[in-house]
Amino acid sequence: MTIMPPQHDHDIGAVLQPVDRARGLPNRFYTSADTFEREKDAVFARNWAGIGFAKDLPEPGHARPVEFAGQPLLMVRDRAGTVRVFDNVCRHRGMILVEQAGPIRGAIRCPYHSWCYDLDGALKATPHVGGPGHNAHEGIDRATLGLREVRSHIWRDIVFVNLSGTAPDFADAHAALIARWADFDHPLTFAGPDSAFSLDIATNWKLAVENYCESYHLPWVHPGLNAYSRLEDHYNIEQPGAFSGQGTHVYRQLEGAGGQRFGDAPGLPGKWDTAAEYIALYPNVLLGVHRDHSFAILLEPHGPERTVEHVALYYHDAADAGEERAELREKNAAQWKTVFEEDIFVVEGMQRGRRAAGFDGGRFSPVMDSPTHLFHHWIASQFADADG
């Protein structure tokens, strides 16, 4: 009879050790429904997490329901054009207000008893609340019964929320990355459906972050990319408590059949002529910047073993959204989709590997894996802090 070794569930203190001695997160962080539930509060609620793109609310009056970390949320572009996030529930009996993305005609109306809210969340109508034909009652103060607004912030077209309301202001929490990429602080242009796609992957969201953080896997997983942007051309990027990733000194612009290229971001210093950076902004946003375009990936967790990656490509020159660049945009999107799809077997394989009872979290290359270890360290710290 074969006796399986005990499941390794070392104390997260082992994750908090320096990279040359640390072990990775225990298996339960990738497979346990209970740990995933705790993660909703310890990781997602207490920090600035990405839930959507402002591009998906193209005009005032557009709304988009989102479920994130177990919370029903509603992204709305109000009449002034400001994107806001509310609980997607009526203040009367807690009914879900909006089921489908699209324009709101007039007001946000509860389908249960027709309580109506303006796009700024204010409660505007309470039909028959005081009895048939009586649409007001002294016990119902509309001024105090507007939709509960969730703290939100938009950066690089990503809609971030802080569900707990306790995180530092976004500009303070992520000042280091904002400063690092100040050269790209210009309007981004989303060109439409040919610049977005999603991937549904059988893996824990954290494995997608871990894989994105490091360049160590490039020679074996991305041979086409590695053919010109070699392992030795890359460098680690590390900001404890906020982000980690990789950069390359060799970025080659995509060209169309007639030699067309996308336009550069205005006023870029020369260091970006051949450089690019790829950063995981904790917890669930993956970002890439290049001289001529950028991208963002939002990781949407669906339980401990499934993640949907929402990818959006943006251009720095508004002219690149035109029809004359459509073929080049399609080529660019296809190229990135190929790269991201090449990672699927890796993250799904690691996910299946987390079912091995004898796996002890693994070890890190002190040189190549430090961005990934930094993310493990951050996750372990979030749980430790939440536990008090």
Protein backbone atom coordinates (compact mmCIF):
# COMPACT_ATOMS: atom_id res chain seq x y z
CA MET A 1 0.00 0.00 0.00
CA THR A 2 1.28 3.45 -0.94
CA ILE A 3 1.17 5.96 1.87
CA MET A 4 0.84 9.56 0.74
CA PRO A 5 2.99 12.10 2.57
CA PRO A 6 1.15 14.62 4.70
CA GLN A 7 -0.20 17.78 3.09
CA HIS A 8 2.35 20.54 3.58
CA ASP A 9 0.69 23.59 5.13
CA HIS A 10 3.66 25.36 6.65
CA ASP A 11 3.11 28.51 8.58
CA ILE A 12 3.14 31.56 6.33
CA GLY A 13 6.15 32.71 8.31
CA ALA A 14 8.21 30.56 5.94
CA VAL A 15 6.99 32.71 3.04
CA LEU A 16 8.14 35.86 4.81
CA GLN A 17 11.77 34.76 4.86
CA PRO A 18 14.35 36.28 2.48
CA VAL A 19 14.11 34.95 -1.05
CA ASP A 20 17.09 32.59 -0.72
CA ARG A 21 15.44 30.82 2.22
CA ALA A 22 11.72 31.33 1.67
CA ARG A 23 9.16 28.77 0.59
CA GLY A 24 6.15 29.60 -1.55
CA LEU A 25 2.59 29.90 -0.33
CA PRO A 26 0.99 26.66 0.93
CA ASN A 27 -1.23 24.70 -1.44
CA ARG A 28 -4.41 25.84 0.30
CA PHE A 29 -3.85 29.35 -1.04
CA TYR A 30 -4.58 27.93 -4.49
CA THR A 31 -7.09 25.15 -3.86
CA SER A 32 -9.08 25.88 -0.69
CA ALA A 33 -12.53 27.44 -0.91
CA ASP A 34 -12.17 28.57 2.72
CA THR A 35 -8.87 30.33 2.01
CA PHE A 36 -10.38 31.95 -1.09
CA GLU A 37 -13.22 33.30 1.05
CA ARG A 38 -10.73 34.76 3.53
CA GLU A 39 -8.80 36.26 0.63
CA LYS A 40 -11.79 38.35 -0.37
CA ASP A 41 -11.36 40.41 2.79
CA ALA A 42 -7.66 40.06 3.54
CA VAL A 43 -6.46 40.83 0.00
CA PHE A 44 -9.17 42.29 -2.23
CA ALA A 45 -11.33 44.38 0.11
CA ARG A 46 -8.53 46.12 1.98
CA ASN A 47 -6.57 47.21 -1.10
CA TRP A 48 -7.17 48.95 -4.42
CA ALA A 49 -8.34 46.19 -6.77
CA GLY A 50 -9.23 46.47 -10.45
CA ILE A 51 -12.84 45.64 -11.37
CA GLY A 52 -13.28 46.98 -14.90
CA PHE A 53 -12.37 49.46 -17.63
CA ALA A 54 -13.75 52.96 -18.04
CA LYS A 55 -13.89 52.26 -21.80
CA ASP A 56 -16.82 49.93 -21.12
CA LEU A 57 -18.90 52.95 -20.07
CA PRO A 58 -18.60 54.92 -23.31
CA GLU A 59 -21.26 57.59 -22.68
CA PRO A 60 -23.07 59.21 -19.73
CA GLY A 61 -25.86 56.91 -18.64
CA HIS A 62 -24.01 53.67 -19.34
CA ALA A 63 -23.86 51.14 -16.52
CA ARG A 64 -22.12 47.82 -16.06
CA PRO A 65 -22.83 45.32 -13.26
CA VAL A 66 -19.79 43.57 -11.80
CA GLU A 67 -19.45 40.93 -9.13
CA PHE A 68 -16.11 41.19 -7.40
CA ALA A 69 -14.89 39.51 -4.23
CA GLY A 70 -18.44 38.32 -3.69
CA GLN A 71 -19.85 41.85 -3.85
CA PRO A 72 -22.51 42.93 -6.39
CA LEU A 73 -21.25 46.25 -7.76
CA LEU A 74 -22.46 48.66 -10.41
CA MET A 75 -20.16 50.88 -12.47
CA VAL A 76 -22.00 53.94 -13.82
CA ARG A 77 -20.95 56.94 -15.89
CA ASP A 78 -23.07 59.77 -14.49
CA ARG A 79 -24.53 62.74 -16.35
CA ALA A 80 -21.33 64.74 -15.87
CA GLY A 81 -19.26 61.91 -17.37
CA THR A 82 -17.75 60.77 -14.08
CA VAL A 83 -17.39 57.05 -13.51
CA ARG A 84 -18.78 55.98 -10.13
CA VAL A 85 -19.24 52.63 -8.42
CA PHE A 86 -22.20 51.69 -6.24
CA ASP A 87 -23.55 48.62 -4.52
CA ASN A 88 -25.82 47.08 -7.15
CA VAL A 89 -28.68 46.68 -4.67
CA CYS A 90 -31.84 48.61 -3.93
CA ARG A 91 -31.97 50.28 -0.51
CA HIS A 92 -35.54 48.98 -0.06
CA ARG A 93 -35.30 45.18 -0.01
CA GLY A 94 -31.82 44.53 -1.36
CA MET A 95 -32.89 43.55 -4.88
CA ILE A 96 -30.24 43.52 -7.61
CA LEU A 97 -30.83 46.64 -9.68
CA VAL A 98 -29.04 46.08 -13.00
CA GLU A 99 -28.49 42.68 -14.60
CA GLN A 100 -27.07 43.64 -18.01
CA ALA A 101 -24.51 46.18 -19.19
CA GLY A 102 -25.79 49.01 -21.35
CA PRO A 103 -27.40 52.47 -21.30
CA ILE A 104 -29.76 53.43 -18.51
CA ARG A 105 -32.93 55.05 -19.82
CA GLY A 106 -33.88 57.85 -17.45
CA ALA A 107 -33.19 56.37 -14.01
CA ILE A 108 -31.86 53.24 -12.36
CA ARG A 109 -35.13 51.46 -11.56
CA CYS A 110 -35.48 48.56 -9.18
CA PRO A 111 -37.43 45.81 -10.96
CA TYR A 112 -39.08 44.73 -7.68
CA HIS A 113 -41.00 47.80 -6.38
CA SER A 114 -39.79 50.47 -8.86
CA TRP A 115 -37.77 52.58 -6.47
CA CYS A 116 -35.73 54.82 -8.79
CA TYR A 117 -32.23 56.26 -8.45
CA ASP A 118 -30.45 58.96 -10.40
CA LEU A 119 -27.08 58.24 -12.01
CA ASP A 120 -25.40 59.91 -9.03
CA GLY A 121 -27.08 57.38 -6.72
CA ALA A 122 -29.69 59.70 -5.26
CA LEU A 123 -33.08 58.12 -4.49
CA LYS A 124 -35.62 59.96 -6.67
CA ALA A 125 -38.85 57.99 -6.57
CA THR A 126 -40.59 55.64 -4.12
CA PRO A 127 -43.95 54.80 -5.74
CA HIS A 128 -46.78 53.86 -3.37
CA VAL A 129 -44.38 53.79 -0.41
CA GLY A 130 -47.04 55.40 1.78
CA GLY A 131 -49.87 53.28 0.37
CA PRO A 132 -51.66 53.26 -3.01
CA GLY A 133 -51.23 56.62 -4.68
CA HIS A 134 -48.97 57.95 -1.92
CA ASN A 135 -45.40 58.16 -3.17
CA ALA A 136 -43.85 59.56 -0.01
CA HIS A 137 -43.94 58.81 3.69
CA GLU A 138 -42.54 60.71 6.65
CA GLY A 139 -40.65 57.59 7.73
CA ILE A 140 -38.82 57.30 4.42
CA ASP A 141 -36.11 59.96 4.10
CA ARG A 142 -34.98 59.78 0.51
CA ALA A 143 -31.94 61.93 1.25
CA THR A 144 -30.48 59.16 3.41
CA LEU A 145 -31.45 56.25 1.17
CA GLY A 146 -29.36 56.80 -1.93
CA LEU A 147 -27.23 54.00 -3.31
CA ARG A 148 -24.16 53.23 -1.24
CA GLU A 149 -21.16 54.50 -3.19
CA VAL A 150 -17.99 52.44 -3.19
CA ARG A 151 -14.67 54.22 -3.04
CA SER A 152 -13.20 54.20 -6.55
CA HIS A 153 -10.40 55.62 -8.67
CA ILE A 154 -9.49 55.50 -12.36
CA TRP A 155 -5.89 55.18 -13.52
CA ARG A 156 -4.83 54.21 -17.04
CA ASP A 157 -8.53 53.57 -17.80
CA ILE A 158 -8.78 50.91 -15.07
CA VAL A 159 -11.56 51.26 -12.52
CA PHE A 160 -10.13 50.48 -9.10
CA VAL A 161 -12.17 50.08 -5.92
CA ASN A 162 -11.32 49.90 -2.25
CA LEU A 163 -14.22 47.95 -0.79
CA SER A 164 -13.23 48.46 2.84
CA GLY A 165 -12.72 52.19 2.45
CA THR A 166 -9.60 51.96 4.61
CA ALA A 167 -6.75 51.99 2.08
CA PRO A 168 -4.63 55.12 1.59
CA ASP A 169 -5.66 57.33 -1.31
CA PHE A 170 -4.78 55.65 -4.61
CA ALA A 171 -2.28 58.39 -5.47
CA ASP A 172 -0.46 57.71 -2.20
CA ALA A 173 -0.76 53.93 -2.24
CA HIS A 174 0.70 53.72 -5.76
CA ALA A 175 2.85 56.84 -5.88
CA ALA A 176 5.94 54.80 -6.77
CA LEU A 177 4.46 53.33 -9.96
CA ILE A 178 2.76 56.58 -10.96
CA ALA A 179 6.15 58.29 -10.71
CA ARG A 180 7.98 55.44 -12.46
CA TRP A 181 5.68 55.70 -15.48
CA ALA A 182 5.22 59.48 -15.44
CA ASP A 183 6.57 59.53 -19.01
CA PHE A 184 3.35 57.76 -20.06
CA ASP A 185 1.01 60.13 -18.22
CA HIS A 186 -0.93 61.02 -21.36
CA PRO A 187 -4.43 60.14 -22.59
CA LEU A 188 -4.84 56.57 -23.81
CA THR A 189 -6.95 55.63 -26.81
CA PHE A 190 -8.98 52.44 -26.89
CA ALA A 191 -9.67 51.54 -30.52
CA GLY A 192 -12.68 49.25 -30.08
CA PRO A 193 -13.47 45.53 -30.22
CA ASP A 194 -10.30 44.65 -32.14
CA SER A 195 -8.29 45.78 -29.12
CA ALA A 196 -9.76 43.57 -26.41
CA PHE A 197 -10.20 39.88 -25.63
CA SER A 198 -10.67 37.58 -22.64
CA LEU A 199 -9.13 34.24 -21.65
CA ASP A 200 -10.90 31.77 -19.34
CA ILE A 201 -8.24 29.76 -17.52
CA ALA A 202 -8.39 26.86 -15.06
CA THR A 203 -6.03 28.35 -12.53
CA ASN A 204 -5.89 30.40 -9.36
CA TRP A 205 -5.52 34.12 -10.08
CA LYS A 206 -2.29 34.31 -8.09
CA LEU A 207 -0.50 31.92 -10.44
CA ALA A 208 -1.30 34.30 -13.30
CA VAL A 209 0.35 37.11 -11.33
CA GLU A 210 3.36 34.98 -10.41
CA ASN A 211 3.99 33.90 -13.99
CA TYR A 212 3.64 37.46 -15.29
CA CYS A 213 6.11 38.83 -12.74
CA GLU A 214 9.19 37.01 -13.99
CA SER A 215 11.18 36.61 -17.20
CA TYR A 216 12.79 33.33 -16.12
CA HIS A 217 10.36 31.25 -18.21
CA LEU A 218 10.80 33.13 -21.49
CA PRO A 219 13.28 30.80 -23.27
CA TRP A 220 11.05 27.75 -22.84
CA VAL A 221 7.51 29.16 -22.90
CA HIS A 222 7.87 32.09 -25.33
CA PRO A 223 10.53 31.05 -27.86
CA GLY A 224 9.30 33.55 -30.46
CA LEU A 225 9.52 36.47 -28.07
CA ASN A 226 12.80 35.22 -26.64
CA ALA A 227 14.31 35.08 -30.12
CA TYR A 228 14.87 38.84 -30.05
CA SER A 229 14.18 39.85 -26.42
CA ARG A 230 16.42 37.35 -24.69
CA LEU A 231 16.51 36.40 -21.05
CA GLU A 232 19.72 38.39 -20.56
CA ASP A 233 18.00 41.51 -21.95
CA HIS A 234 15.57 41.58 -19.01
CA TYR A 235 15.74 43.06 -15.52
CA ASN A 236 13.68 42.68 -12.36
CA ILE A 237 11.34 45.38 -11.05
CA GLU A 238 10.50 45.36 -7.35
CA GLN A 239 8.54 47.70 -5.10
CA PRO A 240 7.77 45.92 -1.80
CA GLY A 241 4.14 46.19 -0.76
CA ALA A 242 2.93 47.48 -4.12
CA PHE A 243 4.16 45.86 -7.34
CA SER A 244 6.78 43.73 -9.04
CA GLY A 245 7.60 42.64 -12.54
CA GLN A 246 10.17 42.74 -15.31
CA GLY A 247 11.52 45.04 -17.95
CA THR A 248 13.39 44.58 -21.19
CA HIS A 249 16.06 46.68 -22.87
CA VAL A 250 15.01 45.25 -26.25
CA TYR A 251 11.58 46.20 -27.57
CA ARG A 252 10.95 45.95 -31.29
CA GLN A 253 8.04 47.91 -32.74
CA LEU A 254 5.48 46.06 -34.80
CA GLU A 255 5.36 47.00 -38.48
CA GLY A 256 2.60 46.63 -41.07
CA ALA A 257 3.07 45.36 -44.61
CA GLY A 258 3.87 48.87 -45.82
CA GLY A 259 6.18 49.68 -42.92
CA GLN A 260 3.48 51.45 -40.87
CA ARG A 261 4.03 51.78 -37.15
CA PHE A 262 1.95 53.02 -34.27
CA GLY A 263 2.70 56.53 -33.03
CA ASP A 264 4.79 57.12 -29.92
CA ALA A 265 3.60 58.61 -26.66
CA PRO A 266 4.43 62.33 -26.79
CA GLY A 267 7.69 63.56 -25.37
CA LEU A 268 9.18 60.21 -24.43
CA PRO A 269 12.83 60.28 -23.36
CA GLY A 270 15.24 58.19 -25.39
CA LYS A 271 15.41 55.34 -22.87
CA TRP A 272 12.02 54.12 -24.12
CA ASP A 273 13.13 53.80 -27.75
CA THR A 274 13.91 50.12 -27.22
CA ALA A 275 12.63 49.49 -23.67
CA ALA A 276 9.37 48.14 -22.26
CA GLU A 277 8.13 47.22 -18.79
CA TYR A 278 5.63 44.67 -17.47
CA ILE A 279 4.38 45.09 -13.94
CA ALA A 280 1.88 43.33 -11.67
CA LEU A 281 0.13 45.99 -9.60
CA TYR A 282 -1.06 44.13 -6.52
CA PRO A 283 -3.41 42.48 -6.19
CA ASN A 284 -4.94 41.74 -9.61
CA VAL A 285 -3.88 44.16 -12.37
CA LEU A 286 -1.16 43.35 -14.90
CA LEU A 287 0.23 46.23 -16.95
CA GLY A 288 2.58 46.67 -19.88
CA VAL A 289 4.00 49.89 -21.36
CA HIS A 290 5.82 50.45 -24.66
CA ARG A 291 6.70 53.54 -26.65
CA ASP A 292 3.72 53.09 -28.98
CA HIS A 293 1.06 51.19 -27.03
CA SER A 294 0.14 49.88 -23.60
CA PHE A 295 -2.04 47.10 -22.28
CA ALA A 296 -3.84 46.14 -19.09
CA ILE A 297 -5.02 42.75 -17.88
CA LEU A 298 -7.67 42.52 -15.17
CA LEU A 299 -7.72 39.21 -13.34
CA GLU A 300 -11.26 38.23 -12.37
CA PRO A 301 -11.19 35.34 -9.87
CA HIS A 302 -14.01 32.79 -10.05
CA GLY A 303 -13.27 30.66 -7.02
CA PRO A 304 -9.88 29.21 -6.14
CA GLU A 305 -9.30 27.38 -9.44
CA ARG A 306 -10.65 29.54 -12.25
CA THR A 307 -9.64 32.97 -13.50
CA VAL A 308 -10.85 35.12 -16.39
CA GLU A 309 -8.23 37.46 -17.83
CA HIS A 310 -9.69 40.58 -19.43
CA VAL A 311 -7.15 42.14 -21.80
CA ALA A 312 -7.38 45.64 -23.28
CA LEU A 313 -4.87 47.30 -25.62
CA TYR A 314 -4.44 51.08 -25.74
CA TYR A 315 -2.63 53.41 -28.11
CA HIS A 316 -0.76 56.62 -27.33
CA ASP A 317 -1.57 58.31 -30.64
CA ALA A 318 -5.30 58.84 -31.21
CA ALA A 319 -4.72 58.46 -34.97
CA ASP A 320 -3.97 54.78 -34.38
CA ALA A 321 -7.68 54.22 -33.66
CA GLY A 322 -8.51 54.99 -37.28
CA GLU A 323 -9.45 52.56 -40.03
CA GLU A 324 -6.05 52.86 -41.69
CA ARG A 325 -4.47 51.20 -38.67
CA ALA A 326 -7.10 48.45 -38.27
CA GLU A 327 -4.96 45.72 -39.85
CA LEU A 328 -1.96 46.66 -37.72
CA ARG A 329 -4.10 46.72 -34.57
CA GLU A 330 -5.48 43.27 -35.35
CA LYS A 331 -1.94 42.01 -35.87
CA ASN A 332 -0.86 43.53 -32.55
CA ALA A 333 -3.80 42.01 -30.65
CA ALA A 334 -3.19 38.62 -32.25
CA GLN A 335 0.49 38.76 -31.33
CA TRP A 336 -0.25 39.51 -27.68
CA LYS A 337 -3.01 36.92 -27.54
CA THR A 338 -0.53 34.32 -28.76
CA VAL A 339 1.95 35.30 -26.04
CA PHE A 340 -0.68 35.16 -23.29
CA GLU A 341 -2.08 31.87 -24.57
CA GLU A 342 1.41 30.38 -24.44
CA ASP A 343 1.27 30.86 -20.66
CA ILE A 344 -1.96 28.92 -20.18
CA PHE A 345 -0.44 25.45 -19.99
CA VAL A 346 2.04 26.74 -17.39
CA VAL A 347 -0.45 28.30 -14.99
CA GLU A 348 -2.91 25.44 -15.41
CA GLY A 349 -0.10 22.94 -14.85
CA MET A 350 0.99 24.69 -11.67
CA GLN A 351 -2.63 24.70 -10.53
CA ARG A 352 -2.91 20.94 -10.99
CA GLY A 353 0.43 20.61 -9.24
CA ARG A 354 -0.99 22.30 -6.15
CA ARG A 355 -3.01 19.10 -5.61
CA ALA A 356 0.21 17.25 -4.78
CA ALA A 357 0.01 16.57 -1.05
CA GLY A 358 3.79 16.52 -0.76
CA PHE A 359 4.43 19.89 -2.40
CA ASP A 360 5.82 22.26 0.21
CA GLY A 361 5.34 25.58 -1.58
CA GLY A 362 8.52 25.29 -3.60
CA ARG A 363 11.67 27.39 -3.55
CA PHE A 364 12.75 30.51 -5.41
CA SER A 365 15.76 31.30 -7.53
CA PRO A 366 17.33 34.15 -5.52
CA VAL A 367 18.23 35.91 -8.78
CA MET A 368 15.43 35.11 -11.20
CA ASP A 369 12.40 34.69 -8.93
CA SER A 370 12.65 37.69 -6.63
CA PRO A 371 9.65 39.52 -8.24
CA THR A 372 7.50 36.42 -7.69
CA HIS A 373 8.74 35.99 -4.13
CA LEU A 374 7.88 39.63 -3.46
CA PHE A 375 4.26 38.90 -4.46
CA HIS A 376 4.15 35.79 -2.23
CA HIS A 377 5.56 37.89 0.61
CA TRP A 378 2.85 40.51 0.05
CA ILE A 379 0.03 37.95 0.07
CA ALA A 380 1.37 36.34 3.25
CA SER A 381 1.66 39.81 4.84
CA GLN A 382 -1.93 40.64 3.95
CA PHE A 383 -3.17 37.50 5.70
CA ALA A 384 -0.93 38.12 8.70
CA ASP A 385 -2.20 41.69 9.03
CA ALA A 386 -5.83 40.60 8.65
CA ASP A 387 -5.34 38.03 11.38
CA GLY A 388 -4.00 40.75 13.66
